[in-house]
Amino acid sequence: MKPATPPVVHDKALDRRAKLAFGVAVICGLFLAETLVAHRTTPHPASPVIWSVLGSVAGAALVLGALWHRRARRRGPGGA
């Protein structure tokens, strides 16, 4: 018979922060896709700068969201 594993508890503040970061990454991804499509019809010289900024923000948000989500699962509701 296996010993019962304790339920996974989440730190709500970190979990909320992780969800917010994932939301920012999704929004940046959508804006990135939209600017790629818009560049086909009306090219602009600043497009690569905009793509790099949106991609960097989306990448940073994904990394931070993953770290915060992982940390939220490790900590209990007290944050210890």
PDB file of N, CA and C in Angstrom:
ATOM      1  N   MET A   1       0.828  -1.177   0.000  1.00  0.00           N
ATOM      2  CA  MET A   1       0.000   0.000   0.000  1.00  0.00           C
ATOM      3  C   MET A   1       0.880   1.251   0.000  1.00  0.00           C
ATOM      4  N   LYS A   2       0.588   2.182  -0.904  1.00  0.00           N
ATOM      5  CA  LYS A   2       1.378   3.406  -1.010  1.00  0.00           C
ATOM      6  C   LYS A   2       0.968   4.401   0.067  1.00  0.00           C
ATOM      7  N   PRO A   3       1.948   5.161   0.560  1.00  0.00           N
ATOM      8  CA  PRO A   3       1.567   6.219   1.500  1.00  0.00           C
ATOM      9  C   PRO A   3       0.842   7.337   0.755  1.00  0.00           C
ATOM     10  N   ALA A   4      -0.076   7.956   1.430  1.00  0.00           N
ATOM     11  CA  ALA A   4      -0.851   9.035   0.808  1.00  0.00           C
ATOM     12  C   ALA A   4       0.053  10.249   0.589  1.00  0.00           C
ATOM     13  N   THR A   5      -0.011  10.792  -0.602  1.00  0.00           N
ATOM     14  CA  THR A   5       0.779  11.993  -0.891  1.00  0.00           C
ATOM     15  C   THR A   5      -0.034  13.216  -0.495  1.00  0.00           C
ATOM     16  N   PRO A   6       0.627  14.201   0.087  1.00  0.00           N
ATOM     17  CA  PRO A   6      -0.119  15.395   0.486  1.00  0.00           C
ATOM     18  C   PRO A   6      -0.583  16.165  -0.752  1.00  0.00           C
ATOM     19  N   PRO A   7      -1.721  16.819  -0.667  1.00  0.00           N
ATOM     20  CA  PRO A   7      -2.194  17.582  -1.830  1.00  0.00           C
ATOM     21  C   PRO A   7      -1.261  18.762  -2.108  1.00  0.00           C
ATOM     22  N   VAL A   8      -1.180  19.108  -3.368  1.00  0.00           N
ATOM     23  CA  VAL A   8      -0.345  20.235  -3.764  1.00  0.00           C
ATOM     24  C   VAL A   8      -1.087  21.521  -3.416  1.00  0.00           C
ATOM     25  N   VAL A   9      -0.417  22.389  -2.688  1.00  0.00           N
ATOM     26  CA  VAL A   9      -1.019  23.673  -2.333  1.00  0.00           C
ATOM     27  C   VAL A   9      -0.352  24.768  -3.151  1.00  0.00           C
ATOM     28  N   HIS A  10      -1.106  25.784  -3.455  1.00  0.00           N
ATOM     29  CA  HIS A  10      -0.601  26.884  -4.268  1.00  0.00           C
ATOM     30  C   HIS A  10      -0.533  28.156  -3.440  1.00  0.00           C
ATOM     31  N   ASP A  11       0.489  28.929  -3.695  1.00  0.00           N
ATOM     32  CA  ASP A  11       0.555  30.287  -3.173  1.00  0.00           C
ATOM     33  C   ASP A  11      -0.251  31.145  -4.138  1.00  0.00           C
ATOM     34  N   LYS A  12      -1.349  31.687  -3.685  1.00  0.00           N
ATOM     35  CA  LYS A  12      -2.285  32.376  -4.582  1.00  0.00           C
ATOM     36  C   LYS A  12      -1.686  33.625  -5.217  1.00  0.00           C
ATOM     37  N   ALA A  13      -0.858  34.342  -4.486  1.00  0.00           N
ATOM     38  CA  ALA A  13      -0.275  35.575  -5.041  1.00  0.00           C
ATOM     39  C   ALA A  13       0.677  35.251  -6.193  1.00  0.00           C
ATOM     40  N   LEU A  14       1.525  34.247  -6.007  1.00  0.00           N
ATOM     41  CA  LEU A  14       2.446  33.868  -7.089  1.00  0.00           C
ATOM     42  C   LEU A  14       1.696  33.238  -8.252  1.00  0.00           C
ATOM     43  N   ASP A  15       0.645  32.487  -7.943  1.00  0.00           N
ATOM     44  CA  ASP A  15      -0.144  31.869  -9.003  1.00  0.00           C
ATOM     45  C   ASP A  15      -0.827  32.943  -9.850  1.00  0.00           C
ATOM     46  N   ARG A  16      -1.349  33.984  -9.203  1.00  0.00           N
ATOM     47  CA  ARG A  16      -1.985  35.085  -9.919  1.00  0.00           C
ATOM     48  C   ARG A  16      -0.953  35.834 -10.768  1.00  0.00           C
ATOM     49  N   ARG A  17       0.244  36.033 -10.215  1.00  0.00           N
ATOM     50  CA  ARG A  17       1.311  36.712 -10.953  1.00  0.00           C
ATOM     51  C   ARG A  17       1.735  35.892 -12.178  1.00  0.00           C
ATOM     52  N   ALA A  18       1.787  34.560 -12.026  1.00  0.00           N
ATOM     53  CA  ALA A  18       2.151  33.696 -13.149  1.00  0.00           C
ATOM     54  C   ALA A  18       1.093  33.749 -14.245  1.00  0.00           C
ATOM     55  N   LYS A  19      -0.174  33.748 -13.858  1.00  0.00           N
ATOM     56  CA  LYS A  19      -1.241  33.829 -14.850  1.00  0.00           C
ATOM     57  C   LYS A  19      -1.198  35.166 -15.593  1.00  0.00           C
ATOM     58  N   LEU A  20      -0.899  36.229 -14.882  1.00  0.00           N
ATOM     59  CA  LEU A  20      -0.776  37.541 -15.503  1.00  0.00           C
ATOM     60  C   LEU A  20       0.384  37.558 -16.504  1.00  0.00           C
ATOM     61  N   ALA A  21       1.502  36.956 -16.126  1.00  0.00           N
ATOM     62  CA  ALA A  21       2.654  36.914 -17.035  1.00  0.00           C
ATOM     63  C   ALA A  21       2.336  36.099 -18.285  1.00  0.00           C
ATOM     64  N   PHE A  22       1.639  34.976 -18.133  1.00  0.00           N
ATOM     65  CA  PHE A  22       1.258  34.188 -19.304  1.00  0.00           C
ATOM     66  C   PHE A  22       0.281  34.973 -20.190  1.00  0.00           C
ATOM     67  N   GLY A  23      -0.591  35.756 -19.584  1.00  0.00           N
ATOM     68  CA  GLY A  23      -1.506  36.599 -20.353  1.00  0.00           C
ATOM     69  C   GLY A  23      -0.769  37.656 -21.152  1.00  0.00           C
ATOM     70  N   VAL A  24       0.227  38.265 -20.545  1.00  0.00           N
ATOM     71  CA  VAL A  24       1.047  39.261 -21.255  1.00  0.00           C
ATOM     72  C   VAL A  24       1.764  38.600 -22.429  1.00  0.00           C
ATOM     73  N   ALA A  25       2.261  37.390 -22.230  1.00  0.00           N
ATOM     74  CA  ALA A  25       2.952  36.685 -23.316  1.00  0.00           C
ATOM     75  C   ALA A  25       1.999  36.378 -24.469  1.00  0.00           C
ATOM     76  N   VAL A  26       0.775  35.986 -24.160  1.00  0.00           N
ATOM     77  CA  VAL A  26      -0.202  35.697 -25.216  1.00  0.00           C
ATOM     78  C   VAL A  26      -0.554  36.973 -25.976  1.00  0.00           C
ATOM     79  N   ILE A  27      -0.762  38.069 -25.271  1.00  0.00           N
ATOM     80  CA  ILE A  27      -1.097  39.337 -25.925  1.00  0.00           C
ATOM     81  C   ILE A  27       0.053  39.798 -26.823  1.00  0.00           C
ATOM     82  N   CYS A  28       1.286  39.682 -26.326  1.00  0.00           N
ATOM     83  CA  CYS A  28       2.442  40.054 -27.157  1.00  0.00           C
ATOM     84  C   CYS A  28       2.541  39.159 -28.382  1.00  0.00           C
ATOM     85  N   GLY A  29       2.245  37.885 -28.218  1.00  0.00           N
ATOM     86  CA  GLY A  29       2.256  36.968 -29.358  1.00  0.00           C
ATOM     87  C   GLY A  29       1.220  37.345 -30.408  1.00  0.00           C
ATOM     88  N   LEU A  30       0.041  37.746 -29.951  1.00  0.00           N
ATOM     89  CA  LEU A  30      -0.994  38.164 -30.893  1.00  0.00           C
ATOM     90  C   LEU A  30      -0.603  39.460 -31.614  1.00  0.00           C
ATOM     91  N   PHE A  31      -0.048  40.411 -30.869  1.00  0.00           N
ATOM     92  CA  PHE A  31       0.422  41.645 -31.506  1.00  0.00           C
ATOM     93  C   PHE A  31       1.554  41.354 -32.492  1.00  0.00           C
ATOM     94  N   LEU A  32       2.418  40.420 -32.151  1.00  0.00           N
ATOM     95  CA  LEU A  32       3.511  40.058 -33.046  1.00  0.00           C
ATOM     96  C   LEU A  32       2.968  39.465 -34.345  1.00  0.00           C
ATOM     97  N   ALA A  33       1.993  38.577 -34.226  1.00  0.00           N
ATOM     98  CA  ALA A  33       1.387  37.994 -35.422  1.00  0.00           C
ATOM     99  C   ALA A  33       0.690  39.065 -36.262  1.00  0.00           C
ATOM    100  N   GLU A  34       0.024  39.985 -35.605  1.00  0.00           N
ATOM    101  CA  GLU A  34      -0.681  41.048 -36.330  1.00  0.00           C
ATOM    102  C   GLU A  34       0.298  41.957 -37.065  1.00  0.00           C
ATOM    103  N   THR A  35       1.428  42.283 -36.428  1.00  0.00           N
ATOM    104  CA  THR A  35       2.390  43.153 -37.106  1.00  0.00           C
ATOM    105  C   THR A  35       3.078  42.434 -38.268  1.00  0.00           C
ATOM    106  N   LEU A  36       3.251  41.120 -38.146  1.00  0.00           N
ATOM    107  CA  LEU A  36       3.820  40.366 -39.268  1.00  0.00           C
ATOM    108  C   LEU A  36       2.889  40.393 -40.473  1.00  0.00           C
ATOM    109  N   VAL A  37       1.603  40.244 -40.241  1.00  0.00           N
ATOM    110  CA  VAL A  37       0.631  40.288 -41.335  1.00  0.00           C
ATOM    111  C   VAL A  37       0.531  41.710 -41.898  1.00  0.00           C
ATOM    112  N   ALA A  38       0.520  42.703 -41.028  1.00  0.00           N
ATOM    113  CA  ALA A  38       0.417  44.087 -41.495  1.00  0.00           C
ATOM    114  C   ALA A  38       1.655  44.498 -42.290  1.00  0.00           C
ATOM    115  N   HIS A  39       2.805  43.923 -41.971  1.00  0.00           N
ATOM    116  CA  HIS A  39       4.039  44.275 -42.681  1.00  0.00           C
ATOM    117  C   HIS A  39       3.987  43.826 -44.137  1.00  0.00           C
ATOM    118  N   ARG A  40       3.205  42.791 -44.420  1.00  0.00           N
ATOM    119  CA  ARG A  40       3.087  42.329 -45.806  1.00  0.00           C
ATOM    120  C   ARG A  40       2.404  43.373 -46.685  1.00  0.00           C
ATOM    121  N   THR A  41       1.389  44.025 -46.134  1.00  0.00           N
ATOM    122  CA  THR A  41       0.630  44.980 -46.954  1.00  0.00           C
ATOM    123  C   THR A  41       1.249  46.369 -46.934  1.00  0.00           C
ATOM    124  N   THR A  42       1.714  46.813 -45.760  1.00  0.00           N
ATOM    125  CA  THR A  42       2.317  48.143 -45.650  1.00  0.00           C
ATOM    126  C   THR A  42       3.635  48.029 -44.886  1.00  0.00           C
ATOM    127  N   PRO A  43       4.721  47.759 -45.574  1.00  0.00           N
ATOM    128  CA  PRO A  43       6.012  47.627 -44.895  1.00  0.00           C
ATOM    129  C   PRO A  43       6.435  48.932 -44.219  1.00  0.00           C
ATOM    130  N   HIS A  44       7.093  48.784 -43.099  1.00  0.00           N
ATOM    131  CA  HIS A  44       7.586  49.939 -42.353  1.00  0.00           C
ATOM    132  C   HIS A  44       9.006  49.626 -41.896  1.00  0.00           C
ATOM    133  N   PRO A  45       9.921  50.579 -41.955  1.00  0.00           N
ATOM    134  CA  PRO A  45      11.310  50.303 -41.582  1.00  0.00           C
ATOM    135  C   PRO A  45      11.484  49.951 -40.104  1.00  0.00           C
ATOM    136  N   ALA A  46      10.562  50.356 -39.256  1.00  0.00           N
ATOM    137  CA  ALA A  46      10.703  50.085 -37.822  1.00  0.00           C
ATOM    138  C   ALA A  46      10.132  48.725 -37.419  1.00  0.00           C
ATOM    139  N   SER A  47       9.611  47.966 -38.376  1.00  0.00           N
ATOM    140  CA  SER A  47       8.998  46.681 -38.047  1.00  0.00           C
ATOM    141  C   SER A  47       9.946  45.719 -37.324  1.00  0.00           C
ATOM    142  N   PRO A  48      11.201  45.552 -37.746  1.00  0.00           N
ATOM    143  CA  PRO A  48      12.085  44.633 -37.019  1.00  0.00           C
ATOM    144  C   PRO A  48      12.317  45.041 -35.562  1.00  0.00           C
ATOM    145  N   VAL A  49      12.329  46.338 -35.304  1.00  0.00           N
ATOM    146  CA  VAL A  49      12.490  46.804 -33.918  1.00  0.00           C
ATOM    147  C   VAL A  49      11.256  46.426 -33.101  1.00  0.00           C
ATOM    148  N   ILE A  50      10.094  46.634 -33.681  1.00  0.00           N
ATOM    149  CA  ILE A  50       8.847  46.290 -32.992  1.00  0.00           C
ATOM    150  C   ILE A  50       8.790  44.786 -32.749  1.00  0.00           C
ATOM    151  N   TRP A  51       9.190  43.982 -33.736  1.00  0.00           N
ATOM    152  CA  TRP A  51       9.177  42.530 -33.570  1.00  0.00           C
ATOM    153  C   TRP A  51      10.124  42.088 -32.460  1.00  0.00           C
ATOM    154  N   SER A  52      11.293  42.705 -32.410  1.00  0.00           N
ATOM    155  CA  SER A  52      12.256  42.301 -31.382  1.00  0.00           C
ATOM    156  C   SER A  52      11.770  42.679 -29.982  1.00  0.00           C
ATOM    157  N   VAL A  53      11.138  43.848 -29.858  1.00  0.00           N
ATOM    158  CA  VAL A  53      10.616  44.257 -28.548  1.00  0.00           C
ATOM    159  C   VAL A  53       9.477  43.336 -28.119  1.00  0.00           C
ATOM    160  N   LEU A  54       8.536  43.080 -29.025  1.00  0.00           N
ATOM    161  CA  LEU A  54       7.415  42.203 -28.683  1.00  0.00           C
ATOM    162  C   LEU A  54       7.896  40.783 -28.374  1.00  0.00           C
ATOM    163  N   GLY A  55       8.847  40.294 -29.144  1.00  0.00           N
ATOM    164  CA  GLY A  55       9.379  38.953 -28.890  1.00  0.00           C
ATOM    165  C   GLY A  55      10.127  38.870 -27.572  1.00  0.00           C
ATOM    166  N   SER A  56      10.875  39.912 -27.245  1.00  0.00           N
ATOM    167  CA  SER A  56      11.613  39.927 -25.974  1.00  0.00           C
ATOM    168  C   SER A  56      10.667  39.980 -24.782  1.00  0.00           C
ATOM    169  N   VAL A  57       9.648  40.818 -24.876  1.00  0.00           N
ATOM    170  CA  VAL A  57       8.681  40.910 -23.781  1.00  0.00           C
ATOM    171  C   VAL A  57       7.927  39.592 -23.627  1.00  0.00           C
ATOM    172  N   ALA A  58       7.535  38.985 -24.737  1.00  0.00           N
ATOM    173  CA  ALA A  58       6.827  37.704 -24.676  1.00  0.00           C
ATOM    174  C   ALA A  58       7.720  36.612 -24.096  1.00  0.00           C
ATOM    175  N   GLY A  59       8.972  36.574 -24.503  1.00  0.00           N
ATOM    176  CA  GLY A  59       9.900  35.570 -23.967  1.00  0.00           C
ATOM    177  C   GLY A  59      10.153  35.749 -22.482  1.00  0.00           C
ATOM    178  N   ALA A  60      10.367  36.995 -22.072  1.00  0.00           N
ATOM    179  CA  ALA A  60      10.583  37.261 -20.646  1.00  0.00           C
ATOM    180  C   ALA A  60       9.343  36.917 -19.826  1.00  0.00           C
ATOM    181  N   ALA A  61       8.167  37.238 -20.361  1.00  0.00           N
ATOM    182  CA  ALA A  61       6.929  36.924 -19.641  1.00  0.00           C
ATOM    183  C   ALA A  61       6.732  35.417 -19.524  1.00  0.00           C
ATOM    184  N   LEU A  62       7.075  34.665 -20.566  1.00  0.00           N
ATOM    185  CA  LEU A  62       6.955  33.207 -20.489  1.00  0.00           C
ATOM    186  C   LEU A  62       7.903  32.631 -19.438  1.00  0.00           C
ATOM    187  N   VAL A  63       9.133  33.103 -19.420  1.00  0.00           N
ATOM    188  CA  VAL A  63      10.102  32.600 -18.444  1.00  0.00           C
ATOM    189  C   VAL A  63       9.675  32.963 -17.025  1.00  0.00           C
ATOM    190  N   LEU A  64       9.293  34.210 -16.809  1.00  0.00           N
ATOM    191  CA  LEU A  64       8.857  34.624 -15.476  1.00  0.00           C
ATOM    192  C   LEU A  64       7.592  33.885 -15.050  1.00  0.00           C
ATOM    193  N   GLY A  65       6.656  33.711 -15.979  1.00  0.00           N
ATOM    194  CA  GLY A  65       5.437  32.977 -15.658  1.00  0.00           C
ATOM    195  C   GLY A  65       5.721  31.538 -15.264  1.00  0.00           C
ATOM    196  N   ALA A  66       6.644  30.900 -15.979  1.00  0.00           N
ATOM    197  CA  ALA A  66       6.992  29.518 -15.634  1.00  0.00           C
ATOM    198  C   ALA A  66       7.691  29.444 -14.278  1.00  0.00           C
ATOM    199  N   LEU A  67       8.591  30.390 -14.013  1.00  0.00           N
ATOM    200  CA  LEU A  67       9.266  30.392 -12.715  1.00  0.00           C
ATOM    201  C   LEU A  67       8.299  30.651 -11.572  1.00  0.00           C
ATOM    202  N   TRP A  68       7.413  31.618 -11.736  1.00  0.00           N
ATOM    203  CA  TRP A  68       6.451  31.938 -10.682  1.00  0.00           C
ATOM    204  C   TRP A  68       5.460  30.804 -10.477  1.00  0.00           C
ATOM    205  N   HIS A  69       5.066  30.140 -11.567  1.00  0.00           N
ATOM    206  CA  HIS A  69       4.143  29.014 -11.435  1.00  0.00           C
ATOM    207  C   HIS A  69       4.803  27.869 -10.676  1.00  0.00           C
ATOM    208  N   ARG A  70       6.054  27.619 -11.003  1.00  0.00           N
ATOM    209  CA  ARG A  70       6.786  26.548 -10.316  1.00  0.00           C
ATOM    210  C   ARG A  70       6.973  26.882  -8.834  1.00  0.00           C
ATOM    211  N   ARG A  71       7.315  28.139  -8.551  1.00  0.00           N
ATOM    212  CA  ARG A  71       7.503  28.562  -7.162  1.00  0.00           C
ATOM    213  C   ARG A  71       6.183  28.541  -6.393  1.00  0.00           C
ATOM    214  N   ALA A  72       5.071  28.863  -7.075  1.00  0.00           N
ATOM    215  CA  ALA A  72       3.762  28.857  -6.415  1.00  0.00           C
ATOM    216  C   ALA A  72       3.355  27.448  -6.015  1.00  0.00           C
ATOM    217  N   ARG A  73       3.753  26.459  -6.797  1.00  0.00           N
ATOM    218  CA  ARG A  73       3.407  25.075  -6.464  1.00  0.00           C
ATOM    219  C   ARG A  73       4.258  24.542  -5.319  1.00  0.00           C
ATOM    220  N   ARG A  74       5.453  25.085  -5.142  1.00  0.00           N
ATOM    221  CA  ARG A  74       6.327  24.626  -4.072  1.00  0.00           C
ATOM    222  C   ARG A  74       5.924  25.188  -2.715  1.00  0.00           C
ATOM    223  N   ARG A  75       5.452  26.416  -2.716  1.00  0.00           N
ATOM    224  CA  ARG A  75       5.132  27.087  -1.458  1.00  0.00           C
ATOM    225  C   ARG A  75       3.698  26.788  -1.064  1.00  0.00           C
ATOM    226  N   GLY A  76       3.476  26.881   0.203  1.00  0.00           N
ATOM    227  CA  GLY A  76       2.124  26.721   0.700  1.00  0.00           C
ATOM    228  C   GLY A  76       1.401  28.045   0.727  1.00  0.00           C
ATOM    229  N   PRO A  77       0.201  28.086   1.252  1.00  0.00           N
ATOM    230  CA  PRO A  77      -0.544  29.331   1.278  1.00  0.00           C
ATOM    231  C   PRO A  77       0.109  30.395   2.144  1.00  0.00           C
ATOM    232  N   GLY A  78       0.941  29.999   3.099  1.00  0.00           N
ATOM    233  CA  GLY A  78       1.611  30.964   3.945  1.00  0.00           C
ATOM    234  C   GLY A  78       2.803  31.622   3.287  1.00  0.00           C
ATOM    235  N   GLY A  79       3.291  31.041   2.174  1.00  0.00           N
ATOM    236  CA  GLY A  79       4.424  31.605   1.467  1.00  0.00           C
ATOM    237  C   GLY A  79       5.772  31.223   2.045  1.00  0.00           C
ATOM    238  N   ALA A  80       5.830  30.207   2.886  1.00  0.00           N
ATOM    239  CA  ALA A  80       7.086  29.804   3.525  1.00  0.00           C
ATOM    240  C   ALA A  80       7.926  28.943   2.617  1.00  0.00           C
TER     241      ALA A  80
END
